[in-house]
Every structure is written in structure tokens, then in C-alpha cells.
Amino acid sequence: MCYYAEKPYKLHYACVPCRVAFKRHPGPGEHRCPRCSEPMVCAGHDFAAPRRGNTKAWTVVAAVLDAGLRYEGREPCGCGKEPTFRPRTRAQLRARRIAAARTGIPLADMLGQADPPASA
């Protein structure tokens, strides 16, 4: 069944400096943060924002969004695939950064892998 194709779903937009996230319909212009008026980053359909006080989790979110990735769990139509992996802790982020530096794989590709390659 095509979940996202049946009706227009809102996307999650995040403001990392303010540590807030909102759901908005995608539009032609950019969405601005109501707290700081800066442009918000599209985080995807399946983004689960950490609590505002959890600064460590927000640093991981910032790294994932800065790499150009979104929190999408399914195909654009909403069917077929299981949710994609995104690091949730700083230890997972650190392991993927080290593996990306050692292997030469771009960080964005490494952040999407559930298990980084073992170092030899």
C-alpha cells in the first residue's frame, strides 16, 4: 500500500540551533523557525526529534542533517522498504566518522550504514 501517495503528508522541519522541530506541508518557499527566524532544515517524514534539553542527541541530528541526509524510512510513495538507519548516539556517529576517514567512503554514505566496516 502506498502510504505517502494517498494524501499529502507533512514533513518534519528542524531548527538545530533552537533544538525544535515542526511538521509543515512542503511549499515553494523556505520554512522559518518561529523562535529565531532562521531557515529550518527538512528532516524528512520519519524524523523523531529528541527532547530540547538533550544536547548530545541534537549534535547527532545536526551531523546527519549537515551531511545532507534526511530521516526517511520508506520509498517516496511509502511502500516497500524498512526504515533506513541513522545514528542516534554520539558513539555511533564517532564510529562512522572514523570508519569514513579510514576507508575513504563519504561520510553521508557511512552514516546510512547500520554497521560500519571493521578496521583491519
PDB file of N, CA and C in Angstrom:
ATOM      1  N   MET A   1       0.841  -1.161   0.000  1.00  0.00           N
ATOM      2  CA  MET A   1       0.000   0.000   0.000  1.00  0.00           C
ATOM      3  C   MET A   1       0.897   1.237   0.000  1.00  0.00           C
ATOM      4  N   CYS A   2       0.551   2.225  -0.778  1.00  0.00           N
ATOM      5  CA  CYS A   2       1.343   3.452  -0.886  1.00  0.00           C
ATOM      6  C   CYS A   2       0.831   4.475   0.118  1.00  0.00           C
ATOM      7  N   TYR A   3       1.527   4.582   1.254  1.00  0.00           N
ATOM      8  CA  TYR A   3       1.088   5.477   2.317  1.00  0.00           C
ATOM      9  C   TYR A   3       1.211   6.942   1.925  1.00  0.00           C
ATOM     10  N   TYR A   4       2.368   7.336   1.413  1.00  0.00           N
ATOM     11  CA  TYR A   4       2.612   8.744   1.146  1.00  0.00           C
ATOM     12  C   TYR A   4       1.970   9.219  -0.149  1.00  0.00           C
ATOM     13  N   ALA A   5       1.492   8.304  -0.991  1.00  0.00           N
ATOM     14  CA  ALA A   5       0.891   8.688  -2.260  1.00  0.00           C
ATOM     15  C   ALA A   5      -0.605   8.969  -2.138  1.00  0.00           C
ATOM     16  N   GLU A   6      -1.258   8.482  -1.081  1.00  0.00           N
ATOM     17  CA  GLU A   6      -2.701   8.631  -0.971  1.00  0.00           C
ATOM     18  C   GLU A   6      -3.129  10.038  -0.588  1.00  0.00           C
ATOM     19  N   LYS A   7      -2.391  10.681   0.278  1.00  0.00           N
ATOM     20  CA  LYS A   7      -2.726  12.042   0.680  1.00  0.00           C
ATOM     21  C   LYS A   7      -1.444  12.785   1.016  1.00  0.00           C
ATOM     22  N   PRO A   8      -1.479  14.112   1.014  1.00  0.00           N
ATOM     23  CA  PRO A   8      -0.239  14.857   1.297  1.00  0.00           C
ATOM     24  C   PRO A   8       0.082  14.840   2.793  1.00  0.00           C
ATOM     25  N   TYR A   9       1.226  14.283   3.114  1.00  0.00           N
ATOM     26  CA  TYR A   9       1.681  14.246   4.491  1.00  0.00           C
ATOM     27  C   TYR A   9       2.621  15.412   4.746  1.00  0.00           C
ATOM     28  N   LYS A  10       2.633  15.867   5.977  1.00  0.00           N
ATOM     29  CA  LYS A  10       3.554  16.926   6.359  1.00  0.00           C
ATOM     30  C   LYS A  10       4.943  16.358   6.568  1.00  0.00           C
ATOM     31  N   LEU A  11       5.937  17.183   6.310  1.00  0.00           N
ATOM     32  CA  LEU A  11       7.323  16.815   6.559  1.00  0.00           C
ATOM     33  C   LEU A  11       7.785  17.455   7.857  1.00  0.00           C
ATOM     34  N   HIS A  12       8.780  16.865   8.475  1.00  0.00           N
ATOM     35  CA  HIS A  12       9.366  17.437   9.683  1.00  0.00           C
ATOM     36  C   HIS A  12      10.442  18.428   9.272  1.00  0.00           C
ATOM     37  N   TYR A  13      10.407  19.606   9.857  1.00  0.00           N
ATOM     38  CA  TYR A  13      11.434  20.621   9.660  1.00  0.00           C
ATOM     39  C   TYR A  13      12.055  20.909  11.011  1.00  0.00           C
ATOM     40  N   ALA A  14      13.394  20.971  11.052  1.00  0.00           N
ATOM     41  CA  ALA A  14      14.103  21.143  12.320  1.00  0.00           C
ATOM     42  C   ALA A  14      14.963  22.400  12.287  1.00  0.00           C
ATOM     43  N   CYS A  15      15.028  23.059  13.427  1.00  0.00           N
ATOM     44  CA  CYS A  15      15.953  24.163  13.653  1.00  0.00           C
ATOM     45  C   CYS A  15      16.934  23.668  14.707  1.00  0.00           C
ATOM     46  N   VAL A  16      18.136  23.341  14.276  1.00  0.00           N
ATOM     47  CA  VAL A  16      19.120  22.742  15.177  1.00  0.00           C
ATOM     48  C   VAL A  16      19.604  23.730  16.232  1.00  0.00           C
ATOM     49  N   PRO A  17      19.884  25.002  15.899  1.00  0.00           N
ATOM     50  CA  PRO A  17      20.337  25.918  16.963  1.00  0.00           C
ATOM     51  C   PRO A  17      19.303  26.098  18.079  1.00  0.00           C
ATOM     52  N   CYS A  18      18.024  26.122  17.741  1.00  0.00           N
ATOM     53  CA  CYS A  18      16.966  26.270  18.761  1.00  0.00           C
ATOM     54  C   CYS A  18      16.552  24.929  19.349  1.00  0.00           C
ATOM     55  N   ARG A  19      16.949  23.835  18.694  1.00  0.00           N
ATOM     56  CA  ARG A  19      16.597  22.478  19.095  1.00  0.00           C
ATOM     57  C   ARG A  19      15.075  22.276  19.135  1.00  0.00           C
ATOM     58  N   VAL A  20      14.412  22.648  18.039  1.00  0.00           N
ATOM     59  CA  VAL A  20      12.975  22.447  17.905  1.00  0.00           C
ATOM     60  C   VAL A  20      12.691  21.843  16.531  1.00  0.00           C
ATOM     61  N   ALA A  21      11.536  21.191  16.413  1.00  0.00           N
ATOM     62  CA  ALA A  21      11.106  20.618  15.144  1.00  0.00           C
ATOM     63  C   ALA A  21       9.603  20.806  15.006  1.00  0.00           C
ATOM     64  N   PHE A  22       9.167  21.030  13.778  1.00  0.00           N
ATOM     65  CA  PHE A  22       7.754  21.234  13.484  1.00  0.00           C
ATOM     66  C   PHE A  22       7.397  20.471  12.226  1.00  0.00           C
ATOM     67  N   LYS A  23       6.119  20.127  12.105  1.00  0.00           N
ATOM     68  CA  LYS A  23       5.624  19.491  10.891  1.00  0.00           C
ATOM     69  C   LYS A  23       4.981  20.576  10.034  1.00  0.00           C
ATOM     70  N   ARG A  24       5.377  20.609   8.772  1.00  0.00           N
ATOM     71  CA  ARG A  24       4.850  21.593   7.828  1.00  0.00           C
ATOM     72  C   ARG A  24       4.624  20.909   6.487  1.00  0.00           C
ATOM     73  N   HIS A  25       3.653  21.427   5.739  1.00  0.00           N
ATOM     74  CA  HIS A  25       3.474  20.959   4.368  1.00  0.00           C
ATOM     75  C   HIS A  25       4.608  21.515   3.520  1.00  0.00           C
ATOM     76  N   PRO A  26       5.161  20.716   2.618  1.00  0.00           N
ATOM     77  CA  PRO A  26       6.214  21.246   1.753  1.00  0.00           C
ATOM     78  C   PRO A  26       5.631  22.327   0.849  1.00  0.00           C
ATOM     79  N   GLY A  27       6.363  23.406   0.719  1.00  0.00           N
ATOM     80  CA  GLY A  27       5.878  24.513  -0.090  1.00  0.00           C
ATOM     81  C   GLY A  27       6.982  25.071  -0.952  1.00  0.00           C
ATOM     82  N   PRO A  28       6.644  26.071  -1.750  1.00  0.00           N
ATOM     83  CA  PRO A  28       7.643  26.639  -2.657  1.00  0.00           C
ATOM     84  C   PRO A  28       8.718  27.440  -1.931  1.00  0.00           C
ATOM     85  N   GLY A  29       8.370  28.067  -0.812  1.00  0.00           N
ATOM     86  CA  GLY A  29       9.352  28.865  -0.074  1.00  0.00           C
ATOM     87  C   GLY A  29       9.975  28.067   1.053  1.00  0.00           C
ATOM     88  N   GLU A  30      10.910  28.695   1.747  1.00  0.00           N
ATOM     89  CA  GLU A  30      11.549  28.026   2.876  1.00  0.00           C
ATOM     90  C   GLU A  30      10.736  28.279   4.140  1.00  0.00           C
ATOM     91  N   HIS A  31      10.793  27.327   5.040  1.00  0.00           N
ATOM     92  CA  HIS A  31      10.106  27.453   6.320  1.00  0.00           C
ATOM     93  C   HIS A  31      11.072  28.062   7.323  1.00  0.00           C
ATOM     94  N   ARG A  32      10.590  29.028   8.068  1.00  0.00           N
ATOM     95  CA  ARG A  32      11.426  29.717   9.044  1.00  0.00           C
ATOM     96  C   ARG A  32      11.057  29.284  10.452  1.00  0.00           C
ATOM     97  N   CYS A  33      12.058  29.276  11.317  1.00  0.00           N
ATOM     98  CA  CYS A  33      11.860  28.913  12.713  1.00  0.00           C
ATOM     99  C   CYS A  33      11.080  30.029  13.410  1.00  0.00           C
ATOM    100  N   PRO A  34      10.041  29.693  14.156  1.00  0.00           N
ATOM    101  CA  PRO A  34       9.288  30.737  14.853  1.00  0.00           C
ATOM    102  C   PRO A  34      10.052  31.358  16.019  1.00  0.00           C
ATOM    103  N   ARG A  35      11.132  30.711  16.465  1.00  0.00           N
ATOM    104  CA  ARG A  35      11.898  31.249  17.592  1.00  0.00           C
ATOM    105  C   ARG A  35      12.996  32.200  17.140  1.00  0.00           C
ATOM    106  N   CYS A  36      13.752  31.816  16.092  1.00  0.00           N
ATOM    107  CA  CYS A  36      14.906  32.621  15.687  1.00  0.00           C
ATOM    108  C   CYS A  36      14.796  33.192  14.278  1.00  0.00           C
ATOM    109  N   SER A  37      13.772  32.831  13.534  1.00  0.00           N
ATOM    110  CA  SER A  37      13.508  33.302  12.163  1.00  0.00           C
ATOM    111  C   SER A  37      14.549  32.847  11.154  1.00  0.00           C
ATOM    112  N   GLU A  38      15.351  31.868  11.487  1.00  0.00           N
ATOM    113  CA  GLU A  38      16.313  31.307  10.538  1.00  0.00           C
ATOM    114  C   GLU A  38      15.624  30.198   9.735  1.00  0.00           C
ATOM    115  N   PRO A  39      16.124  29.898   8.525  1.00  0.00           N
ATOM    116  CA  PRO A  39      15.525  28.803   7.753  1.00  0.00           C
ATOM    117  C   PRO A  39      15.687  27.468   8.460  1.00  0.00           C
ATOM    118  N   MET A  40      14.637  26.668   8.423  1.00  0.00           N
ATOM    119  CA  MET A  40      14.672  25.347   9.038  1.00  0.00           C
ATOM    120  C   MET A  40      15.078  24.314   7.988  1.00  0.00           C
ATOM    121  N   VAL A  41      15.652  23.207   8.438  1.00  0.00           N
ATOM    122  CA  VAL A  41      16.125  22.139   7.560  1.00  0.00           C
ATOM    123  C   VAL A  41      15.052  21.060   7.484  1.00  0.00           C
ATOM    124  N   CYS A  42      14.794  20.579   6.278  1.00  0.00           N
ATOM    125  CA  CYS A  42      13.836  19.488   6.109  1.00  0.00           C
ATOM    126  C   CYS A  42      14.468  18.210   6.635  1.00  0.00           C
ATOM    127  N   ALA A  43      13.818  17.580   7.608  1.00  0.00           N
ATOM    128  CA  ALA A  43      14.361  16.377   8.235  1.00  0.00           C
ATOM    129  C   ALA A  43      13.682  15.105   7.720  1.00  0.00           C
ATOM    130  N   GLY A  44      12.652  15.206   6.916  1.00  0.00           N
ATOM    131  CA  GLY A  44      12.020  14.033   6.328  1.00  0.00           C
ATOM    132  C   GLY A  44      10.713  13.655   7.004  1.00  0.00           C
ATOM    133  N   HIS A  45      10.111  12.580   6.505  1.00  0.00           N
ATOM    134  CA  HIS A  45       8.822  12.119   7.018  1.00  0.00           C
ATOM    135  C   HIS A  45       8.932  11.468   8.393  1.00  0.00           C
ATOM    136  N   ASP A  46      10.016  10.750   8.640  1.00  0.00           N
ATOM    137  CA  ASP A  46      10.103   9.888   9.811  1.00  0.00           C
ATOM    138  C   ASP A  46      11.082  10.386  10.877  1.00  0.00           C
ATOM    139  N   PHE A  47      11.230  11.681  11.001  1.00  0.00           N
ATOM    140  CA  PHE A  47      12.138  12.261  11.992  1.00  0.00           C
ATOM    141  C   PHE A  47      11.463  12.262  13.359  1.00  0.00           C
ATOM    142  N   ALA A  48      12.182  11.800  14.362  1.00  0.00           N
ATOM    143  CA  ALA A  48      11.709  11.847  15.746  1.00  0.00           C
ATOM    144  C   ALA A  48      12.667  12.759  16.503  1.00  0.00           C
ATOM    145  N   ALA A  49      12.212  13.946  16.800  1.00  0.00           N
ATOM    146  CA  ALA A  49      13.076  14.939  17.432  1.00  0.00           C
ATOM    147  C   ALA A  49      13.380  14.552  18.871  1.00  0.00           C
ATOM    148  N   PRO A  50      14.639  14.691  19.279  1.00  0.00           N
ATOM    149  CA  PRO A  50      14.959  14.461  20.689  1.00  0.00           C
ATOM    150  C   PRO A  50      14.416  15.598  21.550  1.00  0.00           C
ATOM    151  N   ARG A  51      14.403  15.405  22.831  1.00  0.00           N
ATOM    152  CA  ARG A  51      13.960  16.471  23.728  1.00  0.00           C
ATOM    153  C   ARG A  51      14.902  17.662  23.616  1.00  0.00           C
ATOM    154  N   ARG A  52      14.363  18.833  23.863  1.00  0.00           N
ATOM    155  CA  ARG A  52      15.132  20.057  23.699  1.00  0.00           C
ATOM    156  C   ARG A  52      16.370  20.083  24.596  1.00  0.00           C
ATOM    157  N   GLY A  53      16.284  19.535  25.777  1.00  0.00           N
ATOM    158  CA  GLY A  53      17.409  19.543  26.705  1.00  0.00           C
ATOM    159  C   GLY A  53      18.493  18.521  26.400  1.00  0.00           C
ATOM    160  N   ASN A  54      18.238  17.601  25.486  1.00  0.00           N
ATOM    161  CA  ASN A  54      19.198  16.560  25.153  1.00  0.00           C
ATOM    162  C   ASN A  54      20.159  17.076  24.078  1.00  0.00           C
ATOM    163  N   THR A  55      21.146  17.839  24.503  1.00  0.00           N
ATOM    164  CA  THR A  55      22.066  18.470  23.548  1.00  0.00           C
ATOM    165  C   THR A  55      22.939  17.454  22.822  1.00  0.00           C
ATOM    166  N   LYS A  56      23.259  16.344  23.469  1.00  0.00           N
ATOM    167  CA  LYS A  56      24.083  15.327  22.815  1.00  0.00           C
ATOM    168  C   LYS A  56      23.346  14.721  21.621  1.00  0.00           C
ATOM    169  N   ALA A  57      22.074  14.428  21.779  1.00  0.00           N
ATOM    170  CA  ALA A  57      21.292  13.871  20.674  1.00  0.00           C
ATOM    171  C   ALA A  57      21.133  14.889  19.557  1.00  0.00           C
ATOM    172  N   TRP A  58      21.005  16.161  19.902  1.00  0.00           N
ATOM    173  CA  TRP A  58      20.872  17.197  18.868  1.00  0.00           C
ATOM    174  C   TRP A  58      22.170  17.376  18.086  1.00  0.00           C
ATOM    175  N   THR A  59      23.329  17.109  18.696  1.00  0.00           N
ATOM    176  CA  THR A  59      24.581  17.182  17.929  1.00  0.00           C
ATOM    177  C   THR A  59      24.626  16.079  16.873  1.00  0.00           C
ATOM    178  N   VAL A  60      24.059  14.923  17.194  1.00  0.00           N
ATOM    179  CA  VAL A  60      23.994  13.830  16.217  1.00  0.00           C
ATOM    180  C   VAL A  60      23.031  14.205  15.100  1.00  0.00           C
ATOM    181  N   VAL A  61      21.884  14.776  15.445  1.00  0.00           N
ATOM    182  CA  VAL A  61      20.913  15.218  14.437  1.00  0.00           C
ATOM    183  C   VAL A  61      21.551  16.257  13.525  1.00  0.00           C
ATOM    184  N   ALA A  62      22.297  17.190  14.098  1.00  0.00           N
ATOM    185  CA  ALA A  62      22.956  18.226  13.305  1.00  0.00           C
ATOM    186  C   ALA A  62      23.950  17.613  12.328  1.00  0.00           C
ATOM    187  N   ALA A  63      24.705  16.616  12.760  1.00  0.00           N
ATOM    188  CA  ALA A  63      25.682  15.967  11.881  1.00  0.00           C
ATOM    189  C   ALA A  63      24.995  15.235  10.733  1.00  0.00           C
ATOM    190  N   VAL A  64      23.889  14.565  11.028  1.00  0.00           N
ATOM    191  CA  VAL A  64      23.156  13.837   9.982  1.00  0.00           C
ATOM    192  C   VAL A  64      22.565  14.814   8.970  1.00  0.00           C
ATOM    193  N   LEU A  65      21.940  15.883   9.447  1.00  0.00           N
ATOM    194  CA  LEU A  65      21.334  16.852   8.539  1.00  0.00           C
ATOM    195  C   LEU A  65      22.387  17.637   7.769  1.00  0.00           C
ATOM    196  N   ASP A  66      23.543  17.919   8.393  1.00  0.00           N
ATOM    197  CA  ASP A  66      24.622  18.616   7.691  1.00  0.00           C
ATOM    198  C   ASP A  66      25.225  17.752   6.587  1.00  0.00           C
ATOM    199  N   ALA A  67      25.159  16.441   6.743  1.00  0.00           N
ATOM    200  CA  ALA A  67      25.657  15.529   5.714  1.00  0.00           C
ATOM    201  C   ALA A  67      24.700  15.448   4.528  1.00  0.00           C
ATOM    202  N   GLY A  68      23.547  16.094   4.628  1.00  0.00           N
ATOM    203  CA  GLY A  68      22.586  16.089   3.538  1.00  0.00           C
ATOM    204  C   GLY A  68      21.595  14.940   3.580  1.00  0.00           C
ATOM    205  N   LEU A  69      21.551  14.222   4.689  1.00  0.00           N
ATOM    206  CA  LEU A  69      20.630  13.095   4.826  1.00  0.00           C
ATOM    207  C   LEU A  69      19.333  13.540   5.474  1.00  0.00           C
ATOM    208  N   ARG A  70      18.293  12.772   5.219  1.00  0.00           N
ATOM    209  CA  ARG A  70      17.002  13.006   5.856  1.00  0.00           C
ATOM    210  C   ARG A  70      16.574  11.730   6.550  1.00  0.00           C
ATOM    211  N   TYR A  71      15.664  11.866   7.450  1.00  0.00           N
ATOM    212  CA  TYR A  71      15.123  10.711   8.176  1.00  0.00           C
ATOM    213  C   TYR A  71      13.913  10.193   7.406  1.00  0.00           C
ATOM    214  N   GLU A  72      14.193   9.394   6.398  1.00  0.00           N
ATOM    215  CA  GLU A  72      13.152   8.785   5.581  1.00  0.00           C
ATOM    216  C   GLU A  72      13.187   7.295   5.821  1.00  0.00           C
ATOM    217  N   GLY A  73      12.044   6.724   6.104  1.00  0.00           N
ATOM    218  CA  GLY A  73      12.012   5.308   6.392  1.00  0.00           C
ATOM    219  C   GLY A  73      11.520   4.464   5.245  1.00  0.00           C
ATOM    220  N   ARG A  74      10.901   5.059   4.270  1.00  0.00           N
ATOM    221  CA  ARG A  74      10.296   4.282   3.193  1.00  0.00           C
ATOM    222  C   ARG A  74      10.611   4.935   1.857  1.00  0.00           C
ATOM    223  N   GLU A  75      10.190   4.278   0.804  1.00  0.00           N
ATOM    224  CA  GLU A  75      10.304   4.857  -0.522  1.00  0.00           C
ATOM    225  C   GLU A  75       9.453   6.126  -0.569  1.00  0.00           C
ATOM    226  N   PRO A  76       9.649   7.011  -1.548  1.00  0.00           N
ATOM    227  CA  PRO A  76       8.830   8.227  -1.614  1.00  0.00           C
ATOM    228  C   PRO A  76       7.322   7.966  -1.655  1.00  0.00           C
ATOM    229  N   CYS A  77       6.921   6.809  -2.175  1.00  0.00           N
ATOM    230  CA  CYS A  77       5.493   6.504  -2.197  1.00  0.00           C
ATOM    231  C   CYS A  77       5.037   5.912  -0.865  1.00  0.00           C
ATOM    232  N   GLY A  78       5.966   5.483  -0.023  1.00  0.00           N
ATOM    233  CA  GLY A  78       5.620   4.975   1.295  1.00  0.00           C
ATOM    234  C   GLY A  78       5.507   3.480   1.405  1.00  0.00           C
ATOM    235  N   CYS A  79       5.889   2.768   0.389  1.00  0.00           N
ATOM    236  CA  CYS A  79       5.766   1.308   0.467  1.00  0.00           C
ATOM    237  C   CYS A  79       7.109   0.642   0.242  1.00  0.00           C
ATOM    238  N   GLY A  80       7.204  -0.584   0.646  1.00  0.00           N
ATOM    239  CA  GLY A  80       8.325  -1.392   0.249  1.00  0.00           C
ATOM    240  C   GLY A  80       9.479  -1.534   1.203  1.00  0.00           C
ATOM    241  N   LYS A  81      10.082  -0.480   1.691  1.00  0.00           N
ATOM    242  CA  LYS A  81      11.324  -0.608   2.430  1.00  0.00           C
ATOM    243  C   LYS A  81      11.121  -0.417   3.926  1.00  0.00           C
ATOM    244  N   GLU A  82      12.050  -0.976   4.654  1.00  0.00           N
ATOM    245  CA  GLU A  82      12.096  -0.758   6.096  1.00  0.00           C
ATOM    246  C   GLU A  82      12.786   0.576   6.354  1.00  0.00           C
ATOM    247  N   PRO A  83      12.628   1.142   7.540  1.00  0.00           N
ATOM    248  CA  PRO A  83      13.292   2.406   7.831  1.00  0.00           C
ATOM    249  C   PRO A  83      14.806   2.316   7.663  1.00  0.00           C
ATOM    250  N   THR A  84      15.397   3.377   7.129  1.00  0.00           N
ATOM    251  CA  THR A  84      16.840   3.420   6.951  1.00  0.00           C
ATOM    252  C   THR A  84      17.509   3.764   8.271  1.00  0.00           C
ATOM    253  N   PHE A  85      18.754   3.325   8.410  1.00  0.00           N
ATOM    254  CA  PHE A  85      19.485   3.564   9.644  1.00  0.00           C
ATOM    255  C   PHE A  85      20.012   4.997   9.680  1.00  0.00           C
ATOM    256  N   ARG A  86      19.904   5.614  10.830  1.00  0.00           N
ATOM    257  CA  ARG A  86      20.556   6.889  11.130  1.00  0.00           C
ATOM    258  C   ARG A  86      21.117   6.773  12.539  1.00  0.00           C
ATOM    259  N   PRO A  87      22.335   7.260  12.776  1.00  0.00           N
ATOM    260  CA  PRO A  87      22.902   7.166  14.125  1.00  0.00           C
ATOM    261  C   PRO A  87      22.070   7.952  15.126  1.00  0.00           C
ATOM    262  N   ARG A  88      21.979   7.417  16.338  1.00  0.00           N
ATOM    263  CA  ARG A  88      21.193   8.070  17.382  1.00  0.00           C
ATOM    264  C   ARG A  88      22.070   8.557  18.534  1.00  0.00           C
ATOM    265  N   THR A  89      23.277   8.009  18.652  1.00  0.00           N
ATOM    266  CA  THR A  89      24.154   8.397  19.749  1.00  0.00           C
ATOM    267  C   THR A  89      25.464   8.944  19.186  1.00  0.00           C
ATOM    268  N   ARG A  90      26.185   9.671  20.041  1.00  0.00           N
ATOM    269  CA  ARG A  90      27.465  10.222  19.609  1.00  0.00           C
ATOM    270  C   ARG A  90      28.495   9.127  19.392  1.00  0.00           C
ATOM    271  N   ALA A  91      28.386   8.009  20.105  1.00  0.00           N
ATOM    272  CA  ALA A  91      29.300   6.890  19.889  1.00  0.00           C
ATOM    273  C   ALA A  91      29.105   6.288  18.492  1.00  0.00           C
ATOM    274  N   GLN A  92      27.859   6.139  18.072  1.00  0.00           N
ATOM    275  CA  GLN A  92      27.591   5.637  16.727  1.00  0.00           C
ATOM    276  C   GLN A  92      28.111   6.620  15.683  1.00  0.00           C
ATOM    277  N   LEU A  93      27.916   7.902  15.904  1.00  0.00           N
ATOM    278  CA  LEU A  93      28.395   8.923  14.983  1.00  0.00           C
ATOM    279  C   LEU A  93      29.923   8.898  14.905  1.00  0.00           C
ATOM    280  N   ARG A  94      30.576   8.811  16.052  1.00  0.00           N
ATOM    281  CA  ARG A  94      32.036   8.787  16.101  1.00  0.00           C
ATOM    282  C   ARG A  94      32.585   7.570  15.358  1.00  0.00           C
ATOM    283  N   ALA A  95      31.975   6.399  15.556  1.00  0.00           N
ATOM    284  CA  ALA A  95      32.430   5.178  14.882  1.00  0.00           C
ATOM    285  C   ALA A  95      32.311   5.313  13.368  1.00  0.00           C
ATOM    286  N   ARG A  96      31.258   5.936  12.887  1.00  0.00           N
ATOM    287  CA  ARG A  96      31.076   6.102  11.453  1.00  0.00           C
ATOM    288  C   ARG A  96      32.019   7.160  10.873  1.00  0.00           C
ATOM    289  N   ARG A  97      32.320   8.190  11.637  1.00  0.00           N
ATOM    290  CA  ARG A  97      33.297   9.191  11.171  1.00  0.00           C
ATOM    291  C   ARG A  97      34.683   8.572  11.050  1.00  0.00           C
ATOM    292  N   ILE A  98      35.067   7.765  12.024  1.00  0.00           N
ATOM    293  CA  ILE A  98      36.379   7.103  11.983  1.00  0.00           C
ATOM    294  C   ILE A  98      36.436   6.138  10.810  1.00  0.00           C
ATOM    295  N   ALA A  99      35.381   5.350  10.625  1.00  0.00           N
ATOM    296  CA  ALA A  99      35.349   4.390   9.517  1.00  0.00           C
ATOM    297  C   ALA A  99      35.377   5.099   8.169  1.00  0.00           C
ATOM    298  N   ALA A 100      34.706   6.239   8.058  1.00  0.00           N
ATOM    299  CA  ALA A 100      34.710   7.000   6.804  1.00  0.00           C
ATOM    300  C   ALA A 100      36.098   7.547   6.515  1.00  0.00           C
ATOM    301  N   ALA A 101      36.798   8.006   7.542  1.00  0.00           N
ATOM    302  CA  ALA A 101      38.152   8.525   7.347  1.00  0.00           C
ATOM    303  C   ALA A 101      39.126   7.409   6.956  1.00  0.00           C
ATOM    304  N   ARG A 102      38.972   6.229   7.538  1.00  0.00           N
ATOM    305  CA  ARG A 102      39.882   5.114   7.244  1.00  0.00           C
ATOM    306  C   ARG A 102      39.652   4.518   5.864  1.00  0.00           C
ATOM    307  N   THR A 103      38.391   4.382   5.480  1.00  0.00           N
ATOM    308  CA  THR A 103      38.081   3.691   4.232  1.00  0.00           C
ATOM    309  C   THR A 103      37.971   4.624   3.031  1.00  0.00           C
ATOM    310  N   GLY A 104      37.784   5.906   3.273  1.00  0.00           N
ATOM    311  CA  GLY A 104      37.622   6.844   2.162  1.00  0.00           C
ATOM    312  C   GLY A 104      36.197   6.923   1.641  1.00  0.00           C
ATOM    313  N   ILE A 105      35.289   6.232   2.286  1.00  0.00           N
ATOM    314  CA  ILE A 105      33.873   6.298   1.905  1.00  0.00           C
ATOM    315  C   ILE A 105      33.325   7.639   2.397  1.00  0.00           C
ATOM    316  N   PRO A 106      32.511   8.334   1.584  1.00  0.00           N
ATOM    317  CA  PRO A 106      31.949   9.611   2.044  1.00  0.00           C
ATOM    318  C   PRO A 106      31.144   9.433   3.332  1.00  0.00           C
ATOM    319  N   LEU A 107      31.187  10.454   4.173  1.00  0.00           N
ATOM    320  CA  LEU A 107      30.510  10.388   5.468  1.00  0.00           C
ATOM    321  C   LEU A 107      29.017  10.167   5.310  1.00  0.00           C
ATOM    322  N   ALA A 108      28.396  10.784   4.307  1.00  0.00           N
ATOM    323  CA  ALA A 108      26.955  10.615   4.107  1.00  0.00           C
ATOM    324  C   ALA A 108      26.605   9.157   3.838  1.00  0.00           C
ATOM    325  N   ASP A 109      27.441   8.459   3.073  1.00  0.00           N
ATOM    326  CA  ASP A 109      27.189   7.031   2.819  1.00  0.00           C
ATOM    327  C   ASP A 109      27.406   6.203   4.074  1.00  0.00           C
ATOM    328  N   MET A 110      28.412   6.567   4.851  1.00  0.00           N
ATOM    329  CA  MET A 110      28.720   5.807   6.063  1.00  0.00           C
ATOM    330  C   MET A 110      27.646   6.005   7.135  1.00  0.00           C
ATOM    331  N   LEU A 111      27.036   7.192   7.200  1.00  0.00           N
ATOM    332  CA  LEU A 111      26.001   7.436   8.209  1.00  0.00           C
ATOM    333  C   LEU A 111      24.741   6.622   7.955  1.00  0.00           C
ATOM    334  N   GLY A 112      24.550   6.163   6.734  1.00  0.00           N
ATOM    335  CA  GLY A 112      23.387   5.356   6.413  1.00  0.00           C
ATOM    336  C   GLY A 112      23.580   3.875   6.632  1.00  0.00           C
ATOM    337  N   GLN A 113      24.778   3.446   7.015  1.00  0.00           N
ATOM    338  CA  GLN A 113      25.050   2.025   7.230  1.00  0.00           C
ATOM    339  C   GLN A 113      24.840   1.653   8.678  1.00  0.00           C
ATOM    340  N   ALA A 114      24.139   0.573   8.913  1.00  0.00           N
ATOM    341  CA  ALA A 114      23.871   0.141  10.278  1.00  0.00           C
ATOM    342  C   ALA A 114      25.145  -0.312  10.982  1.00  0.00           C
ATOM    343  N   ASP A 115      26.027  -0.993  10.284  1.00  0.00           N
ATOM    344  CA  ASP A 115      27.282  -1.458  10.876  1.00  0.00           C
ATOM    345  C   ASP A 115      28.435  -0.937  10.038  1.00  0.00           C
ATOM    346  N   PRO A 116      29.291  -0.078  10.622  1.00  0.00           N
ATOM    347  CA  PRO A 116      30.451   0.374   9.852  1.00  0.00           C
ATOM    348  C   PRO A 116      31.407  -0.775   9.625  1.00  0.00           C
ATOM    349  N   PRO A 117      32.192  -0.722   8.538  1.00  0.00           N
ATOM    350  CA  PRO A 117      33.134  -1.809   8.280  1.00  0.00           C
ATOM    351  C   PRO A 117      34.170  -1.914   9.390  1.00  0.00           C
ATOM    352  N   ALA A 118      34.547  -3.134   9.707  1.00  0.00           N
ATOM    353  CA  ALA A 118      35.551  -3.354  10.757  1.00  0.00           C
ATOM    354  C   ALA A 118      36.912  -2.928  10.248  1.00  0.00           C
ATOM    355  N   SER A 119      37.677  -2.324  11.124  1.00  0.00           N
ATOM    356  CA  SER A 119      39.024  -1.889  10.728  1.00  0.00           C
ATOM    357  C   SER A 119      39.955  -3.086  10.725  1.00  0.00           C
ATOM    358  N   ALA A 120      40.866  -3.102   9.790  1.00  0.00           N
ATOM    359  CA  ALA A 120      41.808  -4.232   9.688  1.00  0.00           C
ATOM    360  C   ALA A 120      43.164  -3.836  10.205  1.00  0.00           C
TER     361      ALA A 120
END
